[in-house]
Amino acid sequence: MRHIWMSLVLALMVGVSQAAVDTFEFETEDQRKRFYSLSGELRCPKCQNQNIADSDAPVATDLRRELFRLLDEGESDEEIVEFMVARYGDFVRYKPALTVQTIVLWFGPALFLLIGLVSLAVMLRRRQRAMRDTHAGHLTVDEQHRLRALLEKKNSDD
């Protein structure tokens, strides 16, 4: 009886492991390349950090089937990406288009870097100016005599 259960479990595991593999019959090599290129560029809406080619999520499987269907219908890469964006939003693209909504994504890091570099330059200039002012502010001969007299007076009081 134990062998029967083990055989069933093994058969079930083999069936589950094969369920995650998509098999598509492409008409041309170009169509296959386009499929893998697009599936690498589109993000899985569930996983968020994987493309649909690498994701095992059911929604990624559906997206791969939809991608294959659209390629089979002769849609261009741009039309396929537009369809996916219309259905899932800009998030589905790893490289979002430059629009008013995504301008912060494209230029935000450069802006923060620029602000940091300008702040650093201002701080360094202030520090250099303070050092220069300190070195340029040497005591005159009269001020040195007064200082020496004050120090001698203090030493004699102690």
N, C-alpha and C. Protein backbone atom coordinates (compact mmCIF):
# COMPACT_ATOMS: atom_id res chain seq x y z
N MET A 1 0.82 -1.19 0.00
CA MET A 1 0.00 0.00 0.00
C MET A 1 0.87 1.27 0.00
N ARG A 2 1.95 1.17 0.73
CA ARG A 2 2.86 2.32 0.82
C ARG A 2 3.43 2.68 -0.55
N HIS A 3 3.76 1.69 -1.35
CA HIS A 3 4.31 1.92 -2.69
C HIS A 3 3.30 2.60 -3.59
N ILE A 4 2.05 2.27 -3.42
CA ILE A 4 1.01 2.91 -4.24
C ILE A 4 0.91 4.40 -3.92
N TRP A 5 0.93 4.73 -2.62
CA TRP A 5 0.87 6.15 -2.21
C TRP A 5 2.10 6.91 -2.70
N MET A 6 3.25 6.29 -2.59
CA MET A 6 4.47 6.95 -3.05
C MET A 6 4.42 7.18 -4.56
N SER A 7 3.89 6.22 -5.28
CA SER A 7 3.76 6.36 -6.74
C SER A 7 2.80 7.49 -7.09
N LEU A 8 1.71 7.59 -6.37
CA LEU A 8 0.75 8.67 -6.60
C LEU A 8 1.35 10.04 -6.30
N VAL A 9 2.06 10.14 -5.19
CA VAL A 9 2.70 11.40 -4.83
C VAL A 9 3.74 11.79 -5.88
N LEU A 10 4.53 10.83 -6.32
CA LEU A 10 5.54 11.08 -7.34
C LEU A 10 4.90 11.51 -8.66
N ALA A 11 3.84 10.85 -9.06
CA ALA A 11 3.13 11.22 -10.29
C ALA A 11 2.54 12.61 -10.19
N LEU A 12 2.00 12.93 -9.01
CA LEU A 12 1.44 14.27 -8.80
C LEU A 12 2.53 15.33 -8.87
N MET A 13 3.68 15.06 -8.26
CA MET A 13 4.79 16.02 -8.28
C MET A 13 5.29 16.23 -9.70
N VAL A 14 5.39 15.20 -10.48
CA VAL A 14 5.84 15.31 -11.87
C VAL A 14 4.83 16.12 -12.66
N GLY A 15 3.55 15.86 -12.44
CA GLY A 15 2.50 16.60 -13.14
C GLY A 15 2.52 18.07 -12.78
N VAL A 16 2.73 18.42 -11.50
CA VAL A 16 2.79 19.82 -11.07
C VAL A 16 4.02 20.50 -11.64
N SER A 17 5.15 19.82 -11.65
CA SER A 17 6.37 20.46 -12.15
C SER A 17 6.28 20.72 -13.64
N GLN A 18 5.57 19.87 -14.38
CA GLN A 18 5.43 20.09 -15.81
C GLN A 18 4.38 21.13 -16.13
N ALA A 19 3.49 21.43 -15.19
CA ALA A 19 2.43 22.39 -15.44
C ALA A 19 2.97 23.81 -15.59
N ALA A 20 4.15 24.10 -15.01
CA ALA A 20 4.71 25.45 -15.05
C ALA A 20 5.42 25.74 -16.37
N VAL A 21 5.63 24.74 -17.21
CA VAL A 21 6.37 24.91 -18.45
C VAL A 21 5.39 25.23 -19.58
N ASP A 22 5.62 26.33 -20.25
CA ASP A 22 4.81 26.70 -21.41
C ASP A 22 5.47 26.14 -22.65
N THR A 23 4.66 25.57 -23.52
CA THR A 23 5.19 25.11 -24.81
C THR A 23 4.40 25.80 -25.90
N PHE A 24 5.10 26.58 -26.69
CA PHE A 24 4.48 27.31 -27.78
C PHE A 24 5.12 26.88 -29.10
N GLU A 25 4.30 26.76 -30.11
CA GLU A 25 4.77 26.41 -31.45
C GLU A 25 4.84 27.71 -32.26
N PHE A 26 6.05 28.18 -32.51
CA PHE A 26 6.23 29.41 -33.27
C PHE A 26 6.35 29.10 -34.76
N GLU A 27 5.80 29.99 -35.57
CA GLU A 27 5.85 29.80 -37.02
C GLU A 27 7.24 30.12 -37.57
N THR A 28 7.89 31.12 -36.99
CA THR A 28 9.21 31.52 -37.48
C THR A 28 10.16 31.73 -36.31
N GLU A 29 11.43 31.75 -36.62
CA GLU A 29 12.46 32.01 -35.61
C GLU A 29 12.35 33.45 -35.12
N ASP A 30 11.99 34.36 -36.01
CA ASP A 30 11.82 35.77 -35.63
C ASP A 30 10.70 35.92 -34.60
N GLN A 31 9.62 35.18 -34.79
CA GLN A 31 8.50 35.23 -33.86
C GLN A 31 8.93 34.72 -32.48
N ARG A 32 9.73 33.66 -32.45
CA ARG A 32 10.24 33.12 -31.18
C ARG A 32 11.12 34.14 -30.48
N LYS A 33 12.01 34.80 -31.23
CA LYS A 33 12.90 35.82 -30.64
C LYS A 33 12.09 36.99 -30.08
N ARG A 34 11.08 37.41 -30.83
CA ARG A 34 10.23 38.51 -30.37
C ARG A 34 9.49 38.12 -29.09
N PHE A 35 9.01 36.87 -29.03
CA PHE A 35 8.31 36.39 -27.85
C PHE A 35 9.21 36.48 -26.62
N TYR A 36 10.42 35.95 -26.73
CA TYR A 36 11.33 35.95 -25.58
C TYR A 36 11.82 37.35 -25.25
N SER A 37 11.98 38.18 -26.24
CA SER A 37 12.38 39.56 -25.99
C SER A 37 11.28 40.32 -25.24
N LEU A 38 10.05 40.20 -25.71
CA LEU A 38 8.93 40.89 -25.07
C LEU A 38 8.62 40.31 -23.69
N SER A 39 8.72 39.00 -23.54
CA SER A 39 8.44 38.41 -22.23
C SER A 39 9.52 38.80 -21.21
N GLY A 40 10.69 39.17 -21.68
CA GLY A 40 11.73 39.67 -20.78
C GLY A 40 11.55 41.13 -20.43
N GLU A 41 10.82 41.88 -21.26
CA GLU A 41 10.60 43.31 -21.02
C GLU A 41 9.36 43.59 -20.20
N LEU A 42 8.43 42.65 -20.14
CA LEU A 42 7.17 42.87 -19.42
C LEU A 42 7.26 42.31 -18.01
N ARG A 43 6.81 43.10 -17.04
CA ARG A 43 6.89 42.74 -15.62
C ARG A 43 5.63 41.98 -15.20
N CYS A 44 5.81 41.02 -14.34
CA CYS A 44 4.68 40.27 -13.79
C CYS A 44 3.94 41.16 -12.79
N PRO A 45 2.64 41.38 -12.97
CA PRO A 45 1.89 42.24 -12.05
C PRO A 45 1.83 41.70 -10.62
N LYS A 46 1.93 40.39 -10.46
CA LYS A 46 1.86 39.81 -9.12
C LYS A 46 3.23 39.81 -8.44
N CYS A 47 4.25 39.37 -9.15
CA CYS A 47 5.59 39.22 -8.55
C CYS A 47 6.27 40.56 -8.36
N GLN A 48 6.10 41.48 -9.25
CA GLN A 48 6.61 42.85 -9.23
C GLN A 48 8.12 42.96 -9.44
N ASN A 49 8.87 41.93 -9.16
CA ASN A 49 10.31 42.04 -9.39
C ASN A 49 10.81 40.99 -10.39
N GLN A 50 9.87 40.37 -11.10
CA GLN A 50 10.24 39.39 -12.12
C GLN A 50 9.53 39.73 -13.42
N ASN A 51 10.18 39.37 -14.51
CA ASN A 51 9.48 39.51 -15.78
C ASN A 51 8.57 38.30 -15.98
N ILE A 52 7.72 38.38 -16.98
CA ILE A 52 6.76 37.29 -17.17
C ILE A 52 7.44 36.01 -17.66
N ALA A 53 8.63 36.12 -18.20
CA ALA A 53 9.36 34.92 -18.64
C ALA A 53 9.84 34.10 -17.45
N ASP A 54 10.19 34.76 -16.36
CA ASP A 54 10.75 34.07 -15.19
C ASP A 54 9.73 33.74 -14.12
N SER A 55 8.54 34.32 -14.19
CA SER A 55 7.56 34.16 -13.14
C SER A 55 6.72 32.91 -13.33
N ASP A 56 6.40 32.26 -12.20
CA ASP A 56 5.52 31.09 -12.22
C ASP A 56 4.10 31.45 -11.80
N ALA A 57 3.82 32.72 -11.58
CA ALA A 57 2.49 33.14 -11.15
C ALA A 57 1.47 32.87 -12.26
N PRO A 58 0.25 32.54 -11.87
CA PRO A 58 -0.78 32.29 -12.88
C PRO A 58 -1.01 33.48 -13.82
N VAL A 59 -0.93 34.69 -13.30
CA VAL A 59 -1.13 35.86 -14.17
C VAL A 59 0.00 35.96 -15.20
N ALA A 60 1.21 35.56 -14.84
CA ALA A 60 2.32 35.57 -15.79
C ALA A 60 2.10 34.53 -16.88
N THR A 61 1.56 33.39 -16.49
CA THR A 61 1.23 32.36 -17.48
C THR A 61 0.19 32.89 -18.45
N ASP A 62 -0.83 33.57 -17.93
CA ASP A 62 -1.85 34.17 -18.79
C ASP A 62 -1.25 35.22 -19.72
N LEU A 63 -0.34 36.01 -19.18
CA LEU A 63 0.31 37.05 -20.00
C LEU A 63 1.15 36.42 -21.11
N ARG A 64 1.84 35.34 -20.82
CA ARG A 64 2.62 34.66 -21.86
C ARG A 64 1.71 34.11 -22.95
N ARG A 65 0.58 33.52 -22.54
CA ARG A 65 -0.39 33.02 -23.54
C ARG A 65 -0.95 34.17 -24.38
N GLU A 66 -1.26 35.28 -23.72
CA GLU A 66 -1.78 36.45 -24.44
C GLU A 66 -0.73 37.01 -25.40
N LEU A 67 0.51 37.03 -24.93
CA LEU A 67 1.61 37.49 -25.77
C LEU A 67 1.76 36.60 -27.00
N PHE A 68 1.70 35.30 -26.78
CA PHE A 68 1.79 34.37 -27.91
C PHE A 68 0.63 34.58 -28.89
N ARG A 69 -0.57 34.76 -28.36
CA ARG A 69 -1.74 34.97 -29.21
C ARG A 69 -1.59 36.24 -30.05
N LEU A 70 -1.12 37.32 -29.40
CA LEU A 70 -0.95 38.58 -30.13
C LEU A 70 0.13 38.47 -31.20
N LEU A 71 1.21 37.78 -30.89
CA LEU A 71 2.26 37.55 -31.89
C LEU A 71 1.73 36.71 -33.04
N ASP A 72 0.94 35.70 -32.70
CA ASP A 72 0.38 34.83 -33.72
C ASP A 72 -0.59 35.59 -34.63
N GLU A 73 -1.25 36.62 -34.07
CA GLU A 73 -2.17 37.43 -34.87
C GLU A 73 -1.43 38.47 -35.72
N GLY A 74 -0.12 38.58 -35.54
CA GLY A 74 0.67 39.49 -36.37
C GLY A 74 0.81 40.90 -35.82
N GLU A 75 0.51 41.09 -34.53
CA GLU A 75 0.64 42.42 -33.91
C GLU A 75 2.12 42.80 -33.82
N SER A 76 2.41 44.10 -33.90
CA SER A 76 3.78 44.58 -33.76
C SER A 76 4.15 44.64 -32.28
N ASP A 77 5.44 44.77 -32.00
CA ASP A 77 5.91 44.86 -30.62
C ASP A 77 5.27 46.04 -29.90
N GLU A 78 5.19 47.18 -30.58
CA GLU A 78 4.61 48.38 -29.98
C GLU A 78 3.13 48.17 -29.65
N GLU A 79 2.41 47.53 -30.55
CA GLU A 79 0.98 47.28 -30.32
C GLU A 79 0.78 46.32 -29.15
N ILE A 80 1.65 45.34 -29.03
CA ILE A 80 1.56 44.38 -27.92
C ILE A 80 1.82 45.08 -26.60
N VAL A 81 2.87 45.90 -26.55
CA VAL A 81 3.20 46.61 -25.31
C VAL A 81 2.07 47.58 -24.96
N GLU A 82 1.51 48.28 -25.95
CA GLU A 82 0.39 49.20 -25.69
C GLU A 82 -0.81 48.44 -25.14
N PHE A 83 -1.08 47.25 -25.68
CA PHE A 83 -2.19 46.43 -25.19
C PHE A 83 -1.96 46.06 -23.73
N MET A 84 -0.75 45.61 -23.41
CA MET A 84 -0.44 45.21 -22.03
C MET A 84 -0.51 46.40 -21.07
N VAL A 85 -0.02 47.56 -21.52
CA VAL A 85 -0.06 48.76 -20.67
C VAL A 85 -1.51 49.19 -20.46
N ALA A 86 -2.33 49.11 -21.51
CA ALA A 86 -3.75 49.48 -21.37
C ALA A 86 -4.45 48.54 -20.39
N ARG A 87 -4.03 47.32 -20.37
CA ARG A 87 -4.69 46.33 -19.51
C ARG A 87 -4.16 46.34 -18.08
N TYR A 88 -2.82 46.53 -17.91
CA TYR A 88 -2.21 46.42 -16.58
C TYR A 88 -1.56 47.70 -16.09
N GLY A 89 -1.52 48.74 -16.90
CA GLY A 89 -0.92 50.00 -16.49
C GLY A 89 0.57 50.05 -16.82
N ASP A 90 1.18 51.22 -16.60
CA ASP A 90 2.60 51.42 -16.91
C ASP A 90 3.51 50.51 -16.10
N PHE A 91 2.99 50.00 -14.98
CA PHE A 91 3.81 49.15 -14.11
C PHE A 91 4.28 47.89 -14.82
N VAL A 92 3.54 47.43 -15.83
CA VAL A 92 3.88 46.19 -16.51
C VAL A 92 5.16 46.32 -17.34
N ARG A 93 5.61 47.54 -17.57
CA ARG A 93 6.83 47.76 -18.34
C ARG A 93 8.01 47.95 -17.40
N TYR A 94 9.11 47.28 -17.69
CA TYR A 94 10.32 47.50 -16.90
C TYR A 94 10.94 48.86 -17.23
N LYS A 95 10.79 49.30 -18.46
CA LYS A 95 11.30 50.60 -18.88
C LYS A 95 10.10 51.47 -19.25
N PRO A 96 9.54 52.20 -18.27
CA PRO A 96 8.34 53.00 -18.57
C PRO A 96 8.64 54.10 -19.58
N ALA A 97 7.63 54.44 -20.36
CA ALA A 97 7.76 55.50 -21.36
C ALA A 97 7.93 56.84 -20.66
N LEU A 98 8.55 57.78 -21.32
CA LEU A 98 8.75 59.12 -20.78
C LEU A 98 7.46 59.91 -20.97
N THR A 99 6.70 60.04 -19.88
CA THR A 99 5.46 60.81 -19.88
C THR A 99 5.47 61.75 -18.69
N VAL A 100 4.42 62.55 -18.58
CA VAL A 100 4.32 63.47 -17.44
C VAL A 100 4.28 62.68 -16.13
N GLN A 101 3.61 61.53 -16.13
CA GLN A 101 3.50 60.73 -14.92
C GLN A 101 4.81 60.06 -14.53
N THR A 102 5.67 59.76 -15.50
CA THR A 102 6.90 59.02 -15.20
C THR A 102 8.15 59.89 -15.24
N ILE A 103 7.99 61.20 -15.35
CA ILE A 103 9.16 62.08 -15.45
C ILE A 103 10.02 62.01 -14.19
N VAL A 104 9.38 61.81 -13.04
CA VAL A 104 10.14 61.70 -11.79
C VAL A 104 10.98 60.43 -11.79
N LEU A 105 10.45 59.34 -12.36
CA LEU A 105 11.22 58.10 -12.44
C LEU A 105 12.48 58.27 -13.27
N TRP A 106 12.37 59.02 -14.34
CA TRP A 106 13.50 59.18 -15.26
C TRP A 106 14.52 60.20 -14.76
N PHE A 107 14.05 61.33 -14.22
CA PHE A 107 14.97 62.41 -13.89
C PHE A 107 15.14 62.64 -12.39
N GLY A 108 14.34 61.99 -11.57
CA GLY A 108 14.44 62.16 -10.11
C GLY A 108 15.81 61.81 -9.55
N PRO A 109 16.36 60.64 -9.88
CA PRO A 109 17.68 60.30 -9.33
C PRO A 109 18.78 61.28 -9.75
N ALA A 110 18.75 61.73 -10.99
CA ALA A 110 19.76 62.69 -11.45
C ALA A 110 19.59 64.02 -10.72
N LEU A 111 18.34 64.41 -10.48
CA LEU A 111 18.09 65.66 -9.77
C LEU A 111 18.60 65.59 -8.33
N PHE A 112 18.34 64.47 -7.65
CA PHE A 112 18.85 64.31 -6.29
C PHE A 112 20.37 64.28 -6.26
N LEU A 113 21.00 63.65 -7.23
CA LEU A 113 22.45 63.63 -7.31
C LEU A 113 23.00 65.04 -7.52
N LEU A 114 22.37 65.80 -8.39
CA LEU A 114 22.79 67.17 -8.64
C LEU A 114 22.65 68.03 -7.39
N ILE A 115 21.54 67.89 -6.68
CA ILE A 115 21.33 68.64 -5.44
C ILE A 115 22.41 68.28 -4.43
N GLY A 116 22.73 67.01 -4.32
CA GLY A 116 23.77 66.57 -3.39
C GLY A 116 25.14 67.14 -3.75
N LEU A 117 25.48 67.13 -5.04
CA LEU A 117 26.77 67.66 -5.47
C LEU A 117 26.86 69.17 -5.25
N VAL A 118 25.78 69.89 -5.52
CA VAL A 118 25.77 71.35 -5.29
C VAL A 118 25.91 71.63 -3.80
N SER A 119 25.21 70.88 -2.97
CA SER A 119 25.31 71.07 -1.52
C SER A 119 26.73 70.80 -1.03
N LEU A 120 27.34 69.76 -1.54
CA LEU A 120 28.71 69.44 -1.17
C LEU A 120 29.67 70.55 -1.59
N ALA A 121 29.50 71.06 -2.80
CA ALA A 121 30.36 72.15 -3.29
C ALA A 121 30.20 73.39 -2.42
N VAL A 122 28.96 73.73 -2.04
CA VAL A 122 28.72 74.91 -1.20
C VAL A 122 29.37 74.72 0.16
N MET A 123 29.24 73.54 0.74
CA MET A 123 29.85 73.30 2.05
C MET A 123 31.37 73.38 1.97
N LEU A 124 31.97 72.83 0.93
CA LEU A 124 33.43 72.88 0.79
C LEU A 124 33.92 74.31 0.59
N ARG A 125 33.20 75.11 -0.19
CA ARG A 125 33.60 76.51 -0.37
C ARG A 125 33.52 77.28 0.94
N ARG A 126 32.46 77.06 1.70
CA ARG A 126 32.33 77.75 2.99
C ARG A 126 33.48 77.36 3.92
N ARG A 127 33.82 76.08 3.92
CA ARG A 127 34.91 75.62 4.78
C ARG A 127 36.24 76.24 4.35
N GLN A 128 36.50 76.28 3.03
CA GLN A 128 37.74 76.89 2.54
C GLN A 128 37.79 78.37 2.90
N ARG A 129 36.65 79.06 2.74
CA ARG A 129 36.61 80.49 3.07
C ARG A 129 36.87 80.71 4.56
N ALA A 130 36.30 79.87 5.41
CA ALA A 130 36.52 79.98 6.85
C ALA A 130 37.98 79.73 7.20
N MET A 131 38.60 78.75 6.54
CA MET A 131 40.01 78.46 6.78
C MET A 131 40.89 79.63 6.32
N ARG A 132 40.55 80.20 5.18
CA ARG A 132 41.30 81.33 4.66
C ARG A 132 41.18 82.54 5.58
N ASP A 133 39.95 82.77 6.07
CA ASP A 133 39.73 83.90 6.97
C ASP A 133 40.49 83.71 8.28
N THR A 134 40.59 82.48 8.75
CA THR A 134 41.32 82.21 9.98
C THR A 134 42.81 82.46 9.78
N HIS A 135 43.35 82.01 8.66
CA HIS A 135 44.78 82.22 8.40
C HIS A 135 45.08 83.68 8.07
N ALA A 136 44.18 84.34 7.43
CA ALA A 136 44.41 85.74 7.08
C ALA A 136 44.25 86.65 8.28
N GLY A 137 43.61 86.18 9.33
CA GLY A 137 43.36 87.02 10.49
C GLY A 137 44.48 86.96 11.52
N HIS A 138 45.77 87.05 11.11
CA HIS A 138 46.89 87.06 12.05
C HIS A 138 46.84 88.34 12.88
N LEU A 139 47.38 88.22 14.07
CA LEU A 139 47.39 89.38 14.97
C LEU A 139 48.45 90.39 14.54
N THR A 140 48.09 91.64 14.70
CA THR A 140 49.07 92.71 14.43
C THR A 140 50.07 92.73 15.58
N VAL A 141 51.12 93.49 15.42
CA VAL A 141 52.16 93.57 16.46
C VAL A 141 51.56 94.13 17.75
N ASP A 142 50.72 95.16 17.62
CA ASP A 142 50.08 95.75 18.79
C ASP A 142 49.18 94.73 19.50
N GLU A 143 48.43 93.93 18.73
CA GLU A 143 47.56 92.92 19.33
C GLU A 143 48.38 91.81 19.99
N GLN A 144 49.53 91.49 19.42
CA GLN A 144 50.38 90.48 20.02
C GLN A 144 50.91 90.96 21.37
N HIS A 145 51.32 92.28 21.48
CA HIS A 145 51.80 92.84 22.75
C HIS A 145 50.70 92.82 23.80
N ARG A 146 49.49 93.18 23.41
CA ARG A 146 48.36 93.18 24.35
C ARG A 146 48.07 91.77 24.84
N LEU A 147 48.11 90.80 23.92
CA LEU A 147 47.86 89.40 24.28
C LEU A 147 48.93 88.90 25.24
N ARG A 148 50.18 89.22 24.95
CA ARG A 148 51.28 88.79 25.81
C ARG A 148 51.13 89.41 27.20
N ALA A 149 50.71 90.66 27.26
CA ALA A 149 50.52 91.33 28.55
C ALA A 149 49.38 90.68 29.33
N LEU A 150 48.30 90.34 28.65
CA LEU A 150 47.17 89.69 29.33
C LEU A 150 47.57 88.30 29.85
N LEU A 151 48.32 87.58 29.05
CA LEU A 151 48.76 86.24 29.48
C LEU A 151 49.71 86.33 30.66
N GLU A 152 50.62 87.32 30.64
CA GLU A 152 51.54 87.49 31.78
C GLU A 152 50.79 87.88 33.03
N LYS A 153 49.80 88.74 32.90
CA LYS A 153 48.99 89.17 34.03
C LYS A 153 48.25 87.96 34.62
N LYS A 154 47.70 87.12 33.73
CA LYS A 154 46.97 85.95 34.19
C LYS A 154 47.90 84.98 34.90
N ASN A 155 49.11 84.78 34.37
CA ASN A 155 50.07 83.87 34.98
C ASN A 155 50.54 84.39 36.34
N SER A 156 50.67 85.71 36.47
CA SER A 156 51.12 86.27 37.74
C SER A 156 50.01 86.20 38.78
N ASP A 157 48.73 86.23 38.37
CA ASP A 157 47.61 86.12 39.32
C ASP A 157 47.47 84.71 39.84
N ASP A 158 47.89 83.73 39.07
CA ASP A 158 47.74 82.31 39.49
C ASP A 158 48.82 81.99 40.44
